[in-house]
Amino acid sequence: MAAALSGMFTNQPPGAPPPPLPPGGPGQAGLLPPAAGPRKPNSTLVDELEDVSELKNELQRKEALIQKHLGKLRHWQQVLEDMNVQQKKPAEMPQGPLAYLEQASANIPAPMKQT
């Protein structure tokens, strides 16, 4: 059957392997052809180092911002914890028949003297 097909291609002798395809041709669908646009000729190691330096600075800035917010979160967590402790204190007071009256009378101001 190969002999019958070899005559179909006139510029190829019978039994010869097919010619190699150009890079990026239809046989290599997974490979991208080289970029057609102009490359950045001024891109140097110095430019790349500046980019890396900018990225490092941005990471440091964001890390400082995260630490600042974590500090605020810790502060408010402490405030909430303190409030919970204060709310538990009245429940720890001795419970007896006069405990409610003692607690209520502690909040009543003393009468003013009339002169």
PDB file of N, CA and C in Angstrom:
ATOM      1  N   MET A   1       0.818  -1.178   0.000  1.00  0.00           N
ATOM      2  CA  MET A   1       0.000   0.000   0.000  1.00  0.00           C
ATOM      3  C   MET A   1       0.870   1.253   0.000  1.00  0.00           C
ATOM      4  N   ALA A   2       2.018   1.188   0.694  1.00  0.00           N
ATOM      5  CA  ALA A   2       2.918   2.335   0.716  1.00  0.00           C
ATOM      6  C   ALA A   2       3.415   2.653  -0.678  1.00  0.00           C
ATOM      7  N   ALA A   3       3.598   1.628  -1.486  1.00  0.00           N
ATOM      8  CA  ALA A   3       4.063   1.868  -2.855  1.00  0.00           C
ATOM      9  C   ALA A   3       3.000   2.582  -3.655  1.00  0.00           C
ATOM     10  N   ALA A   4       1.739   2.281  -3.403  1.00  0.00           N
ATOM     11  CA  ALA A   4       0.652   2.933  -4.132  1.00  0.00           C
ATOM     12  C   ALA A   4       0.540   4.396  -3.737  1.00  0.00           C
ATOM     13  N   LEU A   5       0.844   4.706  -2.486  1.00  0.00           N
ATOM     14  CA  LEU A   5       0.731   6.083  -2.023  1.00  0.00           C
ATOM     15  C   LEU A   5       1.950   6.916  -2.396  1.00  0.00           C
ATOM     16  N   SER A   6       3.073   6.289  -2.655  1.00  0.00           N
ATOM     17  CA  SER A   6       4.290   7.052  -2.927  1.00  0.00           C
ATOM     18  C   SER A   6       4.191   7.852  -4.212  1.00  0.00           C
ATOM     19  N   GLY A   7       3.351   7.461  -5.135  1.00  0.00           N
ATOM     20  CA  GLY A   7       3.208   8.205  -6.372  1.00  0.00           C
ATOM     21  C   GLY A   7       2.358   9.443  -6.215  1.00  0.00           C
ATOM     22  N   MET A   8       1.669   9.593  -5.102  1.00  0.00           N
ATOM     23  CA  MET A   8       0.783  10.742  -4.916  1.00  0.00           C
ATOM     24  C   MET A   8       1.578  12.031  -4.766  1.00  0.00           C
ATOM     25  N   PHE A   9       2.740  11.929  -4.179  1.00  0.00           N
ATOM     26  CA  PHE A   9       3.558  13.110  -3.964  1.00  0.00           C
ATOM     27  C   PHE A   9       4.661  13.105  -5.014  1.00  0.00           C
ATOM     28  N   THR A  10       4.561  14.018  -5.950  1.00  0.00           N
ATOM     29  CA  THR A  10       5.462  13.988  -7.105  1.00  0.00           C
ATOM     30  C   THR A  10       6.878  14.411  -6.767  1.00  0.00           C
ATOM     31  N   ASN A  11       7.071  15.296  -5.812  1.00  0.00           N
ATOM     32  CA  ASN A  11       8.428  15.751  -5.516  1.00  0.00           C
ATOM     33  C   ASN A  11       9.138  14.866  -4.504  1.00  0.00           C
ATOM     34  N   GLN A  12       8.524  13.771  -4.063  1.00  0.00           N
ATOM     35  CA  GLN A  12       9.124  12.884  -3.072  1.00  0.00           C
ATOM     36  C   GLN A  12       9.395  11.536  -3.719  1.00  0.00           C
ATOM     37  N   PRO A  13      10.640  11.060  -3.655  1.00  0.00           N
ATOM     38  CA  PRO A  13      10.926   9.748  -4.235  1.00  0.00           C
ATOM     39  C   PRO A  13      10.273   8.654  -3.397  1.00  0.00           C
ATOM     40  N   PRO A  14       9.935   7.499  -4.002  1.00  0.00           N
ATOM     41  CA  PRO A  14       9.295   6.423  -3.247  1.00  0.00           C
ATOM     42  C   PRO A  14      10.212   5.905  -2.145  1.00  0.00           C
ATOM     43  N   GLY A  15       9.610   5.670  -0.948  1.00  0.00           N
ATOM     44  CA  GLY A  15      10.339   5.107   0.183  1.00  0.00           C
ATOM     45  C   GLY A  15      11.115   6.122   0.997  1.00  0.00           C
ATOM     46  N   ALA A  16      11.172   7.392   0.594  1.00  0.00           N
ATOM     47  CA  ALA A  16      11.922   8.414   1.341  1.00  0.00           C
ATOM     48  C   ALA A  16      11.058   8.946   2.488  1.00  0.00           C
ATOM     49  N   PRO A  17      11.690   9.315   3.599  1.00  0.00           N
ATOM     50  CA  PRO A  17      10.909   9.870   4.713  1.00  0.00           C
ATOM     51  C   PRO A  17      10.347  11.241   4.343  1.00  0.00           C
ATOM     52  N   PRO A  18       9.279  11.632   4.995  1.00  0.00           N
ATOM     53  CA  PRO A  18       8.696  12.948   4.677  1.00  0.00           C
ATOM     54  C   PRO A  18       9.649  14.062   5.084  1.00  0.00           C
ATOM     55  N   PRO A  19       9.594  15.200   4.407  1.00  0.00           N
ATOM     56  CA  PRO A  19      10.497  16.307   4.749  1.00  0.00           C
ATOM     57  C   PRO A  19      10.125  16.874   6.120  1.00  0.00           C
ATOM     58  N   PRO A  20      11.123  17.367   6.867  1.00  0.00           N
ATOM     59  CA  PRO A  20      10.823  17.939   8.189  1.00  0.00           C
ATOM     60  C   PRO A  20       9.958  19.189   8.046  1.00  0.00           C
ATOM     61  N   LEU A  21       9.076  19.373   9.032  1.00  0.00           N
ATOM     62  CA  LEU A  21       8.192  20.536   9.026  1.00  0.00           C
ATOM     63  C   LEU A  21       8.918  21.737   9.618  1.00  0.00           C
ATOM     64  N   PRO A  22       8.573  22.935   9.187  1.00  0.00           N
ATOM     65  CA  PRO A  22       9.202  24.120   9.784  1.00  0.00           C
ATOM     66  C   PRO A  22       8.763  24.261  11.244  1.00  0.00           C
ATOM     67  N   PRO A  23       9.603  24.851  12.091  1.00  0.00           N
ATOM     68  CA  PRO A  23       9.237  25.014  13.502  1.00  0.00           C
ATOM     69  C   PRO A  23       7.943  25.814  13.633  1.00  0.00           C
ATOM     70  N   GLY A  24       7.073  25.331  14.521  1.00  0.00           N
ATOM     71  CA  GLY A  24       5.810  26.010  14.743  1.00  0.00           C
ATOM     72  C   GLY A  24       4.787  25.720  13.674  1.00  0.00           C
ATOM     73  N   GLY A  25       5.065  24.769  12.816  1.00  0.00           N
ATOM     74  CA  GLY A  25       4.148  24.430  11.732  1.00  0.00           C
ATOM     75  C   GLY A  25       2.956  23.649  12.236  1.00  0.00           C
ATOM     76  N   PRO A  26       2.108  23.133  11.314  1.00  0.00           N
ATOM     77  CA  PRO A  26       0.889  22.449  11.723  1.00  0.00           C
ATOM     78  C   PRO A  26       1.147  21.142  12.454  1.00  0.00           C
ATOM     79  N   GLY A  27       2.297  20.529  12.297  1.00  0.00           N
ATOM     80  CA  GLY A  27       2.592  19.279  12.978  1.00  0.00           C
ATOM     81  C   GLY A  27       2.967  19.472  14.438  1.00  0.00           C
ATOM     82  N   GLN A  28       3.260  20.685  14.841  1.00  0.00           N
ATOM     83  CA  GLN A  28       3.686  20.971  16.210  1.00  0.00           C
ATOM     84  C   GLN A  28       2.697  21.938  16.858  1.00  0.00           C
ATOM     85  N   ALA A  29       1.495  21.459  17.072  1.00  0.00           N
ATOM     86  CA  ALA A  29       0.441  22.328  17.588  1.00  0.00           C
ATOM     87  C   ALA A  29       0.739  22.805  19.006  1.00  0.00           C
ATOM     88  N   GLY A  30       1.491  22.035  19.795  1.00  0.00           N
ATOM     89  CA  GLY A  30       1.749  22.401  21.182  1.00  0.00           C
ATOM     90  C   GLY A  30       2.811  23.472  21.349  1.00  0.00           C
ATOM     91  N   LEU A  31       3.605  23.741  20.317  1.00  0.00           N
ATOM     92  CA  LEU A  31       4.681  24.719  20.419  1.00  0.00           C
ATOM     93  C   LEU A  31       4.227  26.057  19.868  1.00  0.00           C
ATOM     94  N   LEU A  32       4.593  27.103  20.556  1.00  0.00           N
ATOM     95  CA  LEU A  32       4.238  28.440  20.093  1.00  0.00           C
ATOM     96  C   LEU A  32       5.324  28.961  19.164  1.00  0.00           C
ATOM     97  N   PRO A  33       4.933  29.641  18.109  1.00  0.00           N
ATOM     98  CA  PRO A  33       5.949  30.249  17.241  1.00  0.00           C
ATOM     99  C   PRO A  33       6.606  31.411  17.976  1.00  0.00           C
ATOM    100  N   PRO A  34       7.810  31.782  17.581  1.00  0.00           N
ATOM    101  CA  PRO A  34       8.476  32.901  18.241  1.00  0.00           C
ATOM    102  C   PRO A  34       7.651  34.173  18.080  1.00  0.00           C
ATOM    103  N   ALA A  35       7.748  35.060  19.051  1.00  0.00           N
ATOM    104  CA  ALA A  35       6.973  36.297  19.024  1.00  0.00           C
ATOM    105  C   ALA A  35       7.364  37.124  17.814  1.00  0.00           C
ATOM    106  N   ALA A  36       6.346  37.643  17.116  1.00  0.00           N
ATOM    107  CA  ALA A  36       6.600  38.412  15.911  1.00  0.00           C
ATOM    108  C   ALA A  36       6.980  39.850  16.234  1.00  0.00           C
ATOM    109  N   GLY A  37       6.549  40.357  17.391  1.00  0.00           N
ATOM    110  CA  GLY A  37       6.807  41.744  17.762  1.00  0.00           C
ATOM    111  C   GLY A  37       8.260  41.977  18.112  1.00  0.00           C
ATOM    112  N   PRO A  38       8.644  43.243  18.211  1.00  0.00           N
ATOM    113  CA  PRO A  38      10.038  43.548  18.567  1.00  0.00           C
ATOM    114  C   PRO A  38      10.300  43.193  20.022  1.00  0.00           C
ATOM    115  N   ARG A  39      11.445  42.629  20.260  1.00  0.00           N
ATOM    116  CA  ARG A  39      11.846  42.296  21.631  1.00  0.00           C
ATOM    117  C   ARG A  39      12.391  43.554  22.287  1.00  0.00           C
ATOM    118  N   LYS A  40      12.379  43.561  23.585  1.00  0.00           N
ATOM    119  CA  LYS A  40      12.890  44.698  24.331  1.00  0.00           C
ATOM    120  C   LYS A  40      14.418  44.605  24.352  1.00  0.00           C
ATOM    121  N   PRO A  41      15.097  45.322  23.466  1.00  0.00           N
ATOM    122  CA  PRO A  41      16.553  45.198  23.410  1.00  0.00           C
ATOM    123  C   PRO A  41      17.226  45.799  24.644  1.00  0.00           C
ATOM    124  N   ASN A  42      16.562  46.698  25.335  1.00  0.00           N
ATOM    125  CA  ASN A  42      17.171  47.355  26.488  1.00  0.00           C
ATOM    126  C   ASN A  42      17.009  46.549  27.769  1.00  0.00           C
ATOM    127  N   SER A  43      16.326  45.406  27.709  1.00  0.00           N
ATOM    128  CA  SER A  43      16.126  44.586  28.903  1.00  0.00           C
ATOM    129  C   SER A  43      17.464  43.983  29.302  1.00  0.00           C
ATOM    130  N   THR A  44      17.944  44.432  30.425  1.00  0.00           N
ATOM    131  CA  THR A  44      19.243  43.961  30.894  1.00  0.00           C
ATOM    132  C   THR A  44      19.082  43.348  32.273  1.00  0.00           C
ATOM    133  N   LEU A  45      20.152  42.837  32.757  1.00  0.00           N
ATOM    134  CA  LEU A  45      20.161  42.258  34.096  1.00  0.00           C
ATOM    135  C   LEU A  45      19.825  43.322  35.140  1.00  0.00           C
ATOM    136  N   VAL A  46      20.257  44.554  34.903  1.00  0.00           N
ATOM    137  CA  VAL A  46      19.968  45.651  35.832  1.00  0.00           C
ATOM    138  C   VAL A  46      18.464  45.885  35.906  1.00  0.00           C
ATOM    139  N   ASP A  47      17.782  45.878  34.738  1.00  0.00           N
ATOM    140  CA  ASP A  47      16.331  46.060  34.718  1.00  0.00           C
ATOM    141  C   ASP A  47      15.637  44.941  35.488  1.00  0.00           C
ATOM    142  N   GLU A  48      16.096  43.720  35.288  1.00  0.00           N
ATOM    143  CA  GLU A  48      15.486  42.591  35.981  1.00  0.00           C
ATOM    144  C   GLU A  48      15.731  42.681  37.482  1.00  0.00           C
ATOM    145  N   LEU A  49      16.925  43.125  37.881  1.00  0.00           N
ATOM    146  CA  LEU A  49      17.217  43.290  39.305  1.00  0.00           C
ATOM    147  C   LEU A  49      16.351  44.387  39.919  1.00  0.00           C
ATOM    148  N   GLU A  50      16.101  45.462  39.155  1.00  0.00           N
ATOM    149  CA  GLU A  50      15.219  46.519  39.650  1.00  0.00           C
ATOM    150  C   GLU A  50      13.806  45.982  39.844  1.00  0.00           C
ATOM    151  N   ASP A  51      13.335  45.145  38.912  1.00  0.00           N
ATOM    152  CA  ASP A  51      12.010  44.541  39.045  1.00  0.00           C
ATOM    153  C   ASP A  51      11.943  43.676  40.298  1.00  0.00           C
ATOM    154  N   VAL A  52      12.976  42.889  40.526  1.00  0.00           N
ATOM    155  CA  VAL A  52      13.019  42.029  41.712  1.00  0.00           C
ATOM    156  C   VAL A  52      13.029  42.889  42.972  1.00  0.00           C
ATOM    157  N   SER A  53      13.790  43.976  42.949  1.00  0.00           N
ATOM    158  CA  SER A  53      13.863  44.871  44.100  1.00  0.00           C
ATOM    159  C   SER A  53      12.501  45.503  44.380  1.00  0.00           C
ATOM    160  N   GLU A  54      11.798  45.915  43.319  1.00  0.00           N
ATOM    161  CA  GLU A  54      10.461  46.492  43.489  1.00  0.00           C
ATOM    162  C   GLU A  54       9.505  45.469  44.089  1.00  0.00           C
ATOM    163  N   LEU A  55       9.587  44.232  43.635  1.00  0.00           N
ATOM    164  CA  LEU A  55       8.712  43.185  44.170  1.00  0.00           C
ATOM    165  C   LEU A  55       9.016  42.917  45.642  1.00  0.00           C
ATOM    166  N   LYS A  56      10.312  42.907  45.991  1.00  0.00           N
ATOM    167  CA  LYS A  56      10.681  42.700  47.396  1.00  0.00           C
ATOM    168  C   LYS A  56      10.153  43.831  48.269  1.00  0.00           C
ATOM    169  N   ASN A  57      10.273  45.076  47.782  1.00  0.00           N
ATOM    170  CA  ASN A  57       9.769  46.222  48.541  1.00  0.00           C
ATOM    171  C   ASN A  57       8.259  46.132  48.726  1.00  0.00           C
ATOM    172  N   GLU A  58       7.561  45.713  47.683  1.00  0.00           N
ATOM    173  CA  GLU A  58       6.106  45.576  47.776  1.00  0.00           C
ATOM    174  C   GLU A  58       5.725  44.495  48.784  1.00  0.00           C
ATOM    175  N   LEU A  59       6.469  43.387  48.778  1.00  0.00           N
ATOM    176  CA  LEU A  59       6.205  42.327  49.754  1.00  0.00           C
ATOM    177  C   LEU A  59       6.443  42.816  51.184  1.00  0.00           C
ATOM    178  N   GLN A  60       7.514  43.583  51.392  1.00  0.00           N
ATOM    179  CA  GLN A  60       7.798  44.107  52.728  1.00  0.00           C
ATOM    180  C   GLN A  60       6.706  45.071  53.179  1.00  0.00           C
ATOM    181  N   ARG A  61       6.226  45.899  52.253  1.00  0.00           N
ATOM    182  CA  ARG A  61       5.167  46.851  52.588  1.00  0.00           C
ATOM    183  C   ARG A  61       3.891  46.111  52.975  1.00  0.00           C
ATOM    184  N   LYS A  62       3.558  45.077  52.208  1.00  0.00           N
ATOM    185  CA  LYS A  62       2.350  44.303  52.500  1.00  0.00           C
ATOM    186  C   LYS A  62       2.498  43.525  53.809  1.00  0.00           C
ATOM    187  N   GLU A  63       3.687  43.024  54.083  1.00  0.00           N
ATOM    188  CA  GLU A  63       3.921  42.311  55.340  1.00  0.00           C
ATOM    189  C   GLU A  63       3.745  43.262  56.524  1.00  0.00           C
ATOM    190  N   ALA A  64       4.239  44.496  56.399  1.00  0.00           N
ATOM    191  CA  ALA A  64       4.073  45.484  57.468  1.00  0.00           C
ATOM    192  C   ALA A  64       2.594  45.813  57.663  1.00  0.00           C
ATOM    193  N   LEU A  65       1.852  45.916  56.578  1.00  0.00           N
ATOM    194  CA  LEU A  65       0.417  46.194  56.668  1.00  0.00           C
ATOM    195  C   LEU A  65      -0.319  45.049  57.353  1.00  0.00           C
ATOM    196  N   ILE A  66       0.066  43.827  57.032  1.00  0.00           N
ATOM    197  CA  ILE A  66      -0.542  42.650  57.672  1.00  0.00           C
ATOM    198  C   ILE A  66      -0.256  42.668  59.170  1.00  0.00           C
ATOM    199  N   GLN A  67       0.987  42.970  59.549  1.00  0.00           N
ATOM    200  CA  GLN A  67       1.346  43.013  60.969  1.00  0.00           C
ATOM    201  C   GLN A  67       0.562  44.099  61.703  1.00  0.00           C
ATOM    202  N   LYS A  68       0.365  45.239  61.040  1.00  0.00           N
ATOM    203  CA  LYS A  68      -0.406  46.327  61.637  1.00  0.00           C
ATOM    204  C   LYS A  68      -1.839  45.873  61.909  1.00  0.00           C
ATOM    205  N   HIS A  69      -2.452  45.217  60.929  1.00  0.00           N
ATOM    206  CA  HIS A  69      -3.828  44.751  61.097  1.00  0.00           C
ATOM    207  C   HIS A  69      -3.919  43.634  62.138  1.00  0.00           C
ATOM    208  N   LEU A  70      -2.910  42.777  62.192  1.00  0.00           N
ATOM    209  CA  LEU A  70      -2.902  41.732  63.220  1.00  0.00           C
ATOM    210  C   LEU A  70      -2.832  42.348  64.618  1.00  0.00           C
ATOM    211  N   GLY A  71      -2.056  43.413  64.759  1.00  0.00           N
ATOM    212  CA  GLY A  71      -1.986  44.109  66.042  1.00  0.00           C
ATOM    213  C   GLY A  71      -3.339  44.677  66.443  1.00  0.00           C
ATOM    214  N   LYS A  72      -4.046  45.262  65.474  1.00  0.00           N
ATOM    215  CA  LYS A  72      -5.381  45.794  65.766  1.00  0.00           C
ATOM    216  C   LYS A  72      -6.339  44.668  66.141  1.00  0.00           C
ATOM    217  N   LEU A  73      -6.249  43.551  65.435  1.00  0.00           N
ATOM    218  CA  LEU A  73      -7.114  42.412  65.760  1.00  0.00           C
ATOM    219  C   LEU A  73      -6.847  41.906  67.173  1.00  0.00           C
ATOM    220  N   ARG A  74      -5.573  41.801  67.533  1.00  0.00           N
ATOM    221  CA  ARG A  74      -5.232  41.339  68.888  1.00  0.00           C
ATOM    222  C   ARG A  74      -5.781  42.299  69.943  1.00  0.00           C
ATOM    223  N   HIS A  75      -5.688  43.608  69.658  1.00  0.00           N
ATOM    224  CA  HIS A  75      -6.208  44.606  70.594  1.00  0.00           C
ATOM    225  C   HIS A  75      -7.705  44.408  70.808  1.00  0.00           C
ATOM    226  N   TRP A  76      -8.462  44.269  69.716  1.00  0.00           N
ATOM    227  CA  TRP A  76      -9.920  44.128  69.849  1.00  0.00           C
ATOM    228  C   TRP A  76     -10.297  42.774  70.441  1.00  0.00           C
ATOM    229  N   GLN A  77      -9.509  41.752  70.185  1.00  0.00           N
ATOM    230  CA  GLN A  77      -9.773  40.467  70.836  1.00  0.00           C
ATOM    231  C   GLN A  77      -9.599  40.596  72.347  1.00  0.00           C
ATOM    232  N   GLN A  78      -8.599  41.353  72.764  1.00  0.00           N
ATOM    233  CA  GLN A  78      -8.374  41.568  74.192  1.00  0.00           C
ATOM    234  C   GLN A  78      -9.522  42.368  74.799  1.00  0.00           C
ATOM    235  N   VAL A  79      -9.999  43.393  74.068  1.00  0.00           N
ATOM    236  CA  VAL A  79     -11.133  44.189  74.555  1.00  0.00           C
ATOM    237  C   VAL A  79     -12.354  43.299  74.746  1.00  0.00           C
ATOM    238  N   LEU A  80     -12.639  42.444  73.765  1.00  0.00           N
ATOM    239  CA  LEU A  80     -13.787  41.540  73.881  1.00  0.00           C
ATOM    240  C   LEU A  80     -13.613  40.562  75.037  1.00  0.00           C
ATOM    241  N   GLU A  81     -12.401  40.071  75.197  1.00  0.00           N
ATOM    242  CA  GLU A  81     -12.137  39.136  76.292  1.00  0.00           C
ATOM    243  C   GLU A  81     -12.331  39.821  77.643  1.00  0.00           C
ATOM    244  N   ASP A  82     -11.865  41.070  77.761  1.00  0.00           N
ATOM    245  CA  ASP A  82     -12.046  41.823  79.002  1.00  0.00           C
ATOM    246  C   ASP A  82     -13.526  42.060  79.290  1.00  0.00           C
ATOM    247  N   MET A  83     -14.294  42.346  78.241  1.00  0.00           N
ATOM    248  CA  MET A  83     -15.735  42.559  78.428  1.00  0.00           C
ATOM    249  C   MET A  83     -16.415  41.279  78.902  1.00  0.00           C
ATOM    250  N   ASN A  84     -16.011  40.155  78.358  1.00  0.00           N
ATOM    251  CA  ASN A  84     -16.595  38.879  78.779  1.00  0.00           C
ATOM    252  C   ASN A  84     -16.269  38.586  80.237  1.00  0.00           C
ATOM    253  N   VAL A  85     -15.060  38.923  80.668  1.00  0.00           N
ATOM    254  CA  VAL A  85     -14.665  38.699  82.060  1.00  0.00           C
ATOM    255  C   VAL A  85     -15.503  39.586  82.977  1.00  0.00           C
ATOM    256  N   GLN A  86     -15.722  40.844  82.585  1.00  0.00           N
ATOM    257  CA  GLN A  86     -16.509  41.762  83.412  1.00  0.00           C
ATOM    258  C   GLN A  86     -17.961  41.312  83.508  1.00  0.00           C
ATOM    259  N   GLN A  87     -18.494  40.744  82.440  1.00  0.00           N
ATOM    260  CA  GLN A  87     -19.881  40.281  82.470  1.00  0.00           C
ATOM    261  C   GLN A  87     -20.034  39.056  83.355  1.00  0.00           C
ATOM    262  N   LYS A  88     -18.983  38.280  83.513  1.00  0.00           N
ATOM    263  CA  LYS A  88     -19.052  37.085  84.357  1.00  0.00           C
ATOM    264  C   LYS A  88     -18.940  37.432  85.841  1.00  0.00           C
ATOM    265  N   LYS A  89     -18.338  38.552  86.183  1.00  0.00           N
ATOM    266  CA  LYS A  89     -18.126  38.911  87.589  1.00  0.00           C
ATOM    267  C   LYS A  89     -19.432  39.023  88.379  1.00  0.00           C
ATOM    268  N   PRO A  90     -20.496  39.691  87.895  1.00  0.00           N
ATOM    269  CA  PRO A  90     -21.721  39.762  88.690  1.00  0.00           C
ATOM    270  C   PRO A  90     -22.306  38.384  88.978  1.00  0.00           C
ATOM    271  N   ALA A  91     -22.130  37.434  88.108  1.00  0.00           N
ATOM    272  CA  ALA A  91     -22.655  36.092  88.334  1.00  0.00           C
ATOM    273  C   ALA A  91     -21.873  35.388  89.436  1.00  0.00           C
ATOM    274  N   GLU A  92     -20.636  35.821  89.678  1.00  0.00           N
ATOM    275  CA  GLU A  92     -19.813  35.194  90.702  1.00  0.00           C
ATOM    276  C   GLU A  92     -20.105  35.743  92.101  1.00  0.00           C
ATOM    277  N   MET A  93     -20.926  36.772  92.181  1.00  0.00           N
ATOM    278  CA  MET A  93     -21.259  37.341  93.491  1.00  0.00           C
ATOM    279  C   MET A  93     -22.083  36.329  94.283  1.00  0.00           C
ATOM    280  N   PRO A  94     -22.005  36.383  95.573  1.00  0.00           N
ATOM    281  CA  PRO A  94     -22.756  35.425  96.386  1.00  0.00           C
ATOM    282  C   PRO A  94     -24.255  35.562  96.146  1.00  0.00           C
ATOM    283  N   GLN A  95     -24.897  34.438  96.014  1.00  0.00           N
ATOM    284  CA  GLN A  95     -26.332  34.416  95.784  1.00  0.00           C
ATOM    285  C   GLN A  95     -27.033  34.068  97.086  1.00  0.00           C
ATOM    286  N   GLY A  96     -27.838  34.948  97.550  1.00  0.00           N
ATOM    287  CA  GLY A  96     -28.613  34.723  98.769  1.00  0.00           C
ATOM    288  C   GLY A  96     -29.896  35.517  98.681  1.00  0.00           C
ATOM    289  N   PRO A  97     -30.709  35.442  99.690  1.00  0.00           N
ATOM    290  CA  PRO A  97     -31.986  36.145  99.632  1.00  0.00           C
ATOM    291  C   PRO A  97     -31.819  37.661  99.554  1.00  0.00           C
ATOM    292  N   LEU A  98     -30.746  38.221 100.084  1.00  0.00           N
ATOM    293  CA  LEU A  98     -30.557  39.670 100.070  1.00  0.00           C
ATOM    294  C   LEU A  98     -29.532  40.126  99.028  1.00  0.00           C
ATOM    295  N   ALA A  99     -28.971  39.201  98.265  1.00  0.00           N
ATOM    296  CA  ALA A  99     -27.908  39.548  97.308  1.00  0.00           C
ATOM    297  C   ALA A  99     -28.411  40.525  96.255  1.00  0.00           C
ATOM    298  N   TYR A 100     -29.632  40.328  95.760  1.00  0.00           N
ATOM    299  CA  TYR A 100     -30.169  41.227  94.739  1.00  0.00           C
ATOM    300  C   TYR A 100     -30.352  42.626  95.318  1.00  0.00           C
ATOM    301  N   LEU A 101     -30.880  42.711  96.526  1.00  0.00           N
ATOM    302  CA  LEU A 101     -31.091  44.019  97.158  1.00  0.00           C
ATOM    303  C   LEU A 101     -29.769  44.719  97.431  1.00  0.00           C
ATOM    304  N   GLU A 102     -28.778  43.969  97.859  1.00  0.00           N
ATOM    305  CA  GLU A 102     -27.466  44.564  98.118  1.00  0.00           C
ATOM    306  C   GLU A 102     -26.859  45.118  96.828  1.00  0.00           C
ATOM    307  N   GLN A 103     -27.005  44.360  95.759  1.00  0.00           N
ATOM    308  CA  GLN A 103     -26.446  44.787  94.480  1.00  0.00           C
ATOM    309  C   GLN A 103     -27.196  46.007  93.957  1.00  0.00           C
ATOM    310  N   ALA A 104     -28.526  46.009  94.072  1.00  0.00           N
ATOM    311  CA  ALA A 104     -29.324  47.127  93.581  1.00  0.00           C
ATOM    312  C   ALA A 104     -29.085  48.375  94.418  1.00  0.00           C
ATOM    313  N   SER A 105     -28.966  48.223  95.719  1.00  0.00           N
ATOM    314  CA  SER A 105     -28.780  49.393  96.583  1.00  0.00           C
ATOM    315  C   SER A 105     -27.391  50.003  96.411  1.00  0.00           C
ATOM    316  N   ALA A 106     -26.445  49.249  95.926  1.00  0.00           N
ATOM    317  CA  ALA A 106     -25.097  49.776  95.714  1.00  0.00           C
ATOM    318  C   ALA A 106     -25.094  50.805  94.591  1.00  0.00           C
ATOM    319  N   ASN A 107     -26.063  50.733  93.688  1.00  0.00           N
ATOM    320  CA  ASN A 107     -26.117  51.659  92.560  1.00  0.00           C
ATOM    321  C   ASN A 107     -26.968  52.891  92.851  1.00  0.00           C
ATOM    322  N   ILE A 108     -27.644  52.948  94.006  1.00  0.00           N
ATOM    323  CA  ILE A 108     -28.491  54.094  94.348  1.00  0.00           C
ATOM    324  C   ILE A 108     -27.616  55.152  95.011  1.00  0.00           C
ATOM    325  N   PRO A 109     -27.691  56.403  94.538  1.00  0.00           N
ATOM    326  CA  PRO A 109     -26.883  57.448  95.174  1.00  0.00           C
ATOM    327  C   PRO A 109     -27.417  57.764  96.573  1.00  0.00           C
ATOM    328  N   ALA A 110     -26.524  58.213  97.408  1.00  0.00           N
ATOM    329  CA  ALA A 110     -26.904  58.575  98.780  1.00  0.00           C
ATOM    330  C   ALA A 110     -27.764  59.833  98.748  1.00  0.00           C
ATOM    331  N   PRO A 111     -28.721  59.951  99.668  1.00  0.00           N
ATOM    332  CA  PRO A 111     -29.568  61.155  99.683  1.00  0.00           C
ATOM    333  C   PRO A 111     -28.746  62.385 100.060  1.00  0.00           C
ATOM    334  N   MET A 112     -29.131  63.492  99.464  1.00  0.00           N
ATOM    335  CA  MET A 112     -28.436  64.752  99.744  1.00  0.00           C
ATOM    336  C   MET A 112     -28.982  65.345 101.039  1.00  0.00           C
ATOM    337  N   LYS A 113     -28.115  65.969 101.798  1.00  0.00           N
ATOM    338  CA  LYS A 113     -28.533  66.617 103.049  1.00  0.00           C
ATOM    339  C   LYS A 113     -29.172  67.955 102.722  1.00  0.00           C
ATOM    340  N   GLN A 114     -30.270  68.259 103.420  1.00  0.00           N
ATOM    341  CA  GLN A 114     -30.912  69.556 103.234  1.00  0.00           C
ATOM    342  C   GLN A 114     -30.379  70.521 104.274  1.00  0.00           C
ATOM    343  N   THR A 115     -30.060  71.694 103.898  1.00  0.00           N
ATOM    344  CA  THR A 115     -29.536  72.670 104.848  1.00  0.00           C
ATOM    345  C   THR A 115     -30.467  73.820 105.037  1.00  0.00           C
TER     346      THR A 115
END
